[in-house]
Each structure stands twice: as C-alpha cells, then as structure tokens.
C-alpha cells in the first residue's frame, strides 16, 4: 500500500472522527478550500 494511504489509515484508526487530506504542495490552497486533493474519512 502506498505510504500516504497507509499513514491515513493509521491516523483514522486512532482518530475515527478525523479526516485526511492528500494533495501536492502546489495544490494545497485549492485542496484546503475543497477544490482539489483526496479526502479520506473513516
């Protein structure tokens, strides 16, 4: 499994109400505004 996905799953196992946002640094502003990236929830 890709390291980012494994880290997301580990985090969500510890914090079930949490959210994980995966994006690139160049797209971080759009991702924070909900216009880019991948959001993973439990």
C-alpha atoms as a PDB file:
ATOM      1  CA  UNK A   1       0.000   0.000   0.000  1.00  0.00           C
ATOM      2  CA  UNK A   2       1.265   3.484  -0.768  1.00  0.00           C
ATOM      3  CA  UNK A   3       2.832   5.199   2.269  1.00  0.00           C
ATOM      4  CA  UNK A   4       0.351   8.104   2.199  1.00  0.00           C
ATOM      5  CA  UNK A   5      -2.650   5.778   2.243  1.00  0.00           C
ATOM      6  CA  UNK A   6      -1.138   3.620   4.996  1.00  0.00           C
ATOM      7  CA  UNK A   7      -0.479   6.736   7.097  1.00  0.00           C
ATOM      8  CA  UNK A   8      -4.066   7.903   6.500  1.00  0.00           C
ATOM      9  CA  UNK A   9      -5.482   4.559   7.616  1.00  0.00           C
ATOM     10  CA  UNK A  10      -3.262   4.514  10.704  1.00  0.00           C
ATOM     11  CA  UNK A  11      -4.390   8.018  11.636  1.00  0.00           C
ATOM     12  CA  UNK A  12      -8.078   7.233  11.100  1.00  0.00           C
ATOM     13  CA  UNK A  13      -7.796   4.070  13.181  1.00  0.00           C
ATOM     14  CA  UNK A  14      -6.586   6.249  16.069  1.00  0.00           C
ATOM     15  CA  UNK A  15      -8.930   9.189  15.356  1.00  0.00           C
ATOM     16  CA  UNK A  16     -12.131   7.761  13.813  1.00  0.00           C
ATOM     17  CA  UNK A  17     -13.817  11.174  13.605  1.00  0.00           C
ATOM     18  CA  UNK A  18     -10.832  12.615  11.738  1.00  0.00           C
ATOM     19  CA  UNK A  19     -10.303  13.445   8.082  1.00  0.00           C
ATOM     20  CA  UNK A  20      -7.213  13.055   5.940  1.00  0.00           C
ATOM     21  CA  UNK A  21      -6.425  15.334   3.021  1.00  0.00           C
ATOM     22  CA  UNK A  22      -3.904  14.101   0.463  1.00  0.00           C
ATOM     23  CA  UNK A  23      -2.641  16.596  -2.101  1.00  0.00           C
ATOM     24  CA  UNK A  24       0.514  18.099  -3.514  1.00  0.00           C
ATOM     25  CA  UNK A  25       2.121  21.230  -2.128  1.00  0.00           C
ATOM     26  CA  UNK A  26       1.379  23.074  -5.348  1.00  0.00           C
ATOM     27  CA  UNK A  27      -2.365  22.423  -4.913  1.00  0.00           C
ATOM     28  CA  UNK A  28      -2.633  22.903  -1.147  1.00  0.00           C
ATOM     29  CA  UNK A  29      -4.649  26.145  -1.324  1.00  0.00           C
ATOM     30  CA  UNK A  30      -7.294  24.599  -3.585  1.00  0.00           C
ATOM     31  CA  UNK A  31      -7.340  21.418  -1.503  1.00  0.00           C
ATOM     32  CA  UNK A  32      -7.971  23.309   1.738  1.00  0.00           C
ATOM     33  CA  UNK A  33     -10.872  25.073   0.024  1.00  0.00           C
ATOM     34  CA  UNK A  34     -12.323  21.720  -1.036  1.00  0.00           C
ATOM     35  CA  UNK A  35     -11.446  22.151  -4.705  1.00  0.00           C
ATOM     36  CA  UNK A  36      -8.692  19.563  -5.026  1.00  0.00           C
ATOM     37  CA  UNK A  37      -6.938  16.647  -3.456  1.00  0.00           C
ATOM     38  CA  UNK A  38      -8.361  13.482  -1.939  1.00  0.00           C
ATOM     39  CA  UNK A  39     -10.253  13.397   1.365  1.00  0.00           C
ATOM     40  CA  UNK A  40     -10.378  10.132   3.294  1.00  0.00           C
ATOM     41  CA  UNK A  41     -12.722   9.632   6.246  1.00  0.00           C
ATOM     42  CA  UNK A  42     -13.425   6.647   8.479  1.00  0.00           C
END
